[in-house]
Amino acid sequence: MALMIVDPCTACDACEPVCPNEAIKAGDPFYIIDPMKCTECVGEEDEPQCKLVCPEACIVQNPDWEETEEELQAKHDAMQ
């Protein structure tokens, strides 16, 4: 399942540089995660790096993008 950023994002820029897939970009009014690129860091890290650095805990599961770990791994592999 891809992740998404919700209110109360403060656009602090902590999440964007740690995303290995460059799935996070500045939006208006806060950052957005491209679900086509988000693999929840599967294939790179043990857990989503953006969630680890987010000071507001505003990165959550995107209910519109349910994916298994195998699907996330396949998405990661296709981007390499």
C-alpha atoms as a PDB file:
ATOM      1  CA  MET A   1       0.000   0.000   0.000  1.00  0.00           C
ATOM      2  CA  ALA A   2       1.384   3.381  -0.915  1.00  0.00           C
ATOM      3  CA  LEU A   3       1.662   6.105   1.671  1.00  0.00           C
ATOM      4  CA  MET A   4       0.138   9.569   1.685  1.00  0.00           C
ATOM      5  CA  ILE A   5       0.734  12.792   3.580  1.00  0.00           C
ATOM      6  CA  VAL A   6      -2.144  14.395   5.446  1.00  0.00           C
ATOM      7  CA  ASP A   7      -2.747  17.404   7.620  1.00  0.00           C
ATOM      8  CA  PRO A   8      -0.939  18.507   9.870  1.00  0.00           C
ATOM      9  CA  CYS A   9       2.020  18.440   7.446  1.00  0.00           C
ATOM     10  CA  THR A  10       4.103  21.560   7.999  1.00  0.00           C
ATOM     11  CA  ALA A  11       6.102  21.201   4.749  1.00  0.00           C
ATOM     12  CA  CYS A  12       9.279  20.876   6.815  1.00  0.00           C
ATOM     13  CA  ASP A  13      11.092  19.037   3.975  1.00  0.00           C
ATOM     14  CA  ALA A  14      12.305  16.185   6.204  1.00  0.00           C
ATOM     15  CA  CYS A  15      10.635  13.459   4.137  1.00  0.00           C
ATOM     16  CA  GLU A  16      11.570  14.391   0.567  1.00  0.00           C
ATOM     17  CA  PRO A  17      15.343  13.792   0.733  1.00  0.00           C
ATOM     18  CA  VAL A  18      15.041  10.377   2.434  1.00  0.00           C
ATOM     19  CA  CYS A  19      12.712   8.828  -0.165  1.00  0.00           C
ATOM     20  CA  PRO A  20      14.755   6.333  -2.227  1.00  0.00           C
ATOM     21  CA  ASN A  21      12.217   6.434  -5.075  1.00  0.00           C
ATOM     22  CA  GLU A  22      11.872  10.218  -5.298  1.00  0.00           C
ATOM     23  CA  ALA A  23       8.143   9.733  -4.758  1.00  0.00           C
ATOM     24  CA  ILE A  24       7.738  12.771  -2.485  1.00  0.00           C
ATOM     25  CA  LYS A  25       7.382  16.257  -3.936  1.00  0.00           C
ATOM     26  CA  ALA A  26       6.345  19.653  -2.643  1.00  0.00           C
ATOM     27  CA  GLY A  27       2.661  20.318  -3.113  1.00  0.00           C
ATOM     28  CA  ASP A  28       0.217  22.983  -2.094  1.00  0.00           C
ATOM     29  CA  PRO A  29      -0.213  23.331   0.848  1.00  0.00           C
ATOM     30  CA  PHE A  30       1.885  20.309   1.868  1.00  0.00           C
ATOM     31  CA  TYR A  31       4.014  17.546   0.410  1.00  0.00           C
ATOM     32  CA  ILE A  32       2.502  14.772  -1.692  1.00  0.00           C
ATOM     33  CA  ILE A  33       3.546  11.178  -2.339  1.00  0.00           C
ATOM     34  CA  ASP A  34       3.196   9.743  -5.843  1.00  0.00           C
ATOM     35  CA  PRO A  35       1.526   6.353  -5.288  1.00  0.00           C
ATOM     36  CA  MET A  36       2.963   5.076  -8.567  1.00  0.00           C
ATOM     37  CA  LYS A  37       6.484   5.510  -7.141  1.00  0.00           C
ATOM     38  CA  CYS A  38       5.907   4.770  -3.445  1.00  0.00           C
ATOM     39  CA  THR A  39       7.019   1.291  -2.410  1.00  0.00           C
ATOM     40  CA  GLU A  40       7.050   2.022   1.341  1.00  0.00           C
ATOM     41  CA  CYS A  41      10.825   1.569   0.947  1.00  0.00           C
ATOM     42  CA  VAL A  42      10.363  -2.156   0.168  1.00  0.00           C
ATOM     43  CA  GLY A  43      13.520  -3.241  -1.618  1.00  0.00           C
ATOM     44  CA  GLU A  44      15.573  -0.476   0.000  1.00  0.00           C
ATOM     45  CA  GLU A  45      14.913  -0.317   3.753  1.00  0.00           C
ATOM     46  CA  ASP A  46      13.132  -2.279   6.492  1.00  0.00           C
ATOM     47  CA  GLU A  47      10.544   0.459   7.046  1.00  0.00           C
ATOM     48  CA  PRO A  48       9.376   3.646   5.335  1.00  0.00           C
ATOM     49  CA  GLN A  49      12.065   6.245   5.862  1.00  0.00           C
ATOM     50  CA  CYS A  50       9.698   9.175   5.464  1.00  0.00           C
ATOM     51  CA  LYS A  51       7.635   7.998   8.429  1.00  0.00           C
ATOM     52  CA  LEU A  52      10.778   7.780  10.551  1.00  0.00           C
ATOM     53  CA  VAL A  53      11.775  11.398   9.955  1.00  0.00           C
ATOM     54  CA  CYS A  54       8.328  13.034   9.950  1.00  0.00           C
ATOM     55  CA  PRO A  55       8.051  15.246  13.061  1.00  0.00           C
ATOM     56  CA  GLU A  56       4.251  15.503  12.760  1.00  0.00           C
ATOM     57  CA  ALA A  57       3.418  11.800  12.167  1.00  0.00           C
ATOM     58  CA  CYS A  58       1.300  12.823   9.194  1.00  0.00           C
ATOM     59  CA  ILE A  59       2.358  10.047   6.793  1.00  0.00           C
ATOM     60  CA  VAL A  60      -0.283   7.336   6.672  1.00  0.00           C
ATOM     61  CA  GLN A  61      -1.430   4.448   4.503  1.00  0.00           C
ATOM     62  CA  ASN A  62      -3.211   5.507   1.331  1.00  0.00           C
ATOM     63  CA  PRO A  63      -6.503   3.563   1.358  1.00  0.00           C
ATOM     64  CA  ASP A  64      -6.844   3.942  -2.418  1.00  0.00           C
ATOM     65  CA  TRP A  65      -3.578   2.050  -3.081  1.00  0.00           C
ATOM     66  CA  GLU A  66      -3.687  -1.350  -1.412  1.00  0.00           C
ATOM     67  CA  GLU A  67      -0.646  -3.406  -2.411  1.00  0.00           C
ATOM     68  CA  THR A  68       0.971  -6.510  -0.997  1.00  0.00           C
ATOM     69  CA  GLU A  69       4.646  -6.597  -0.085  1.00  0.00           C
ATOM     70  CA  GLU A  70       5.210  -8.668  -3.237  1.00  0.00           C
ATOM     71  CA  GLU A  71       3.522  -6.000  -5.370  1.00  0.00           C
ATOM     72  CA  LEU A  72       5.596  -3.292  -3.693  1.00  0.00           C
ATOM     73  CA  GLN A  73       8.770  -5.297  -4.378  1.00  0.00           C
ATOM     74  CA  ALA A  74       7.766  -5.750  -8.036  1.00  0.00           C
ATOM     75  CA  LYS A  75       7.147  -1.995  -8.331  1.00  0.00           C
ATOM     76  CA  HIS A  76      10.571  -1.338  -6.797  1.00  0.00           C
ATOM     77  CA  ASP A  77      12.256  -3.798  -9.148  1.00  0.00           C
ATOM     78  CA  ALA A  78      10.572  -2.231 -12.192  1.00  0.00           C
ATOM     79  CA  MET A  79      11.947   1.200 -11.257  1.00  0.00           C
ATOM     80  CA  GLN A  80      15.532  -0.004 -11.057  1.00  0.00           C
END
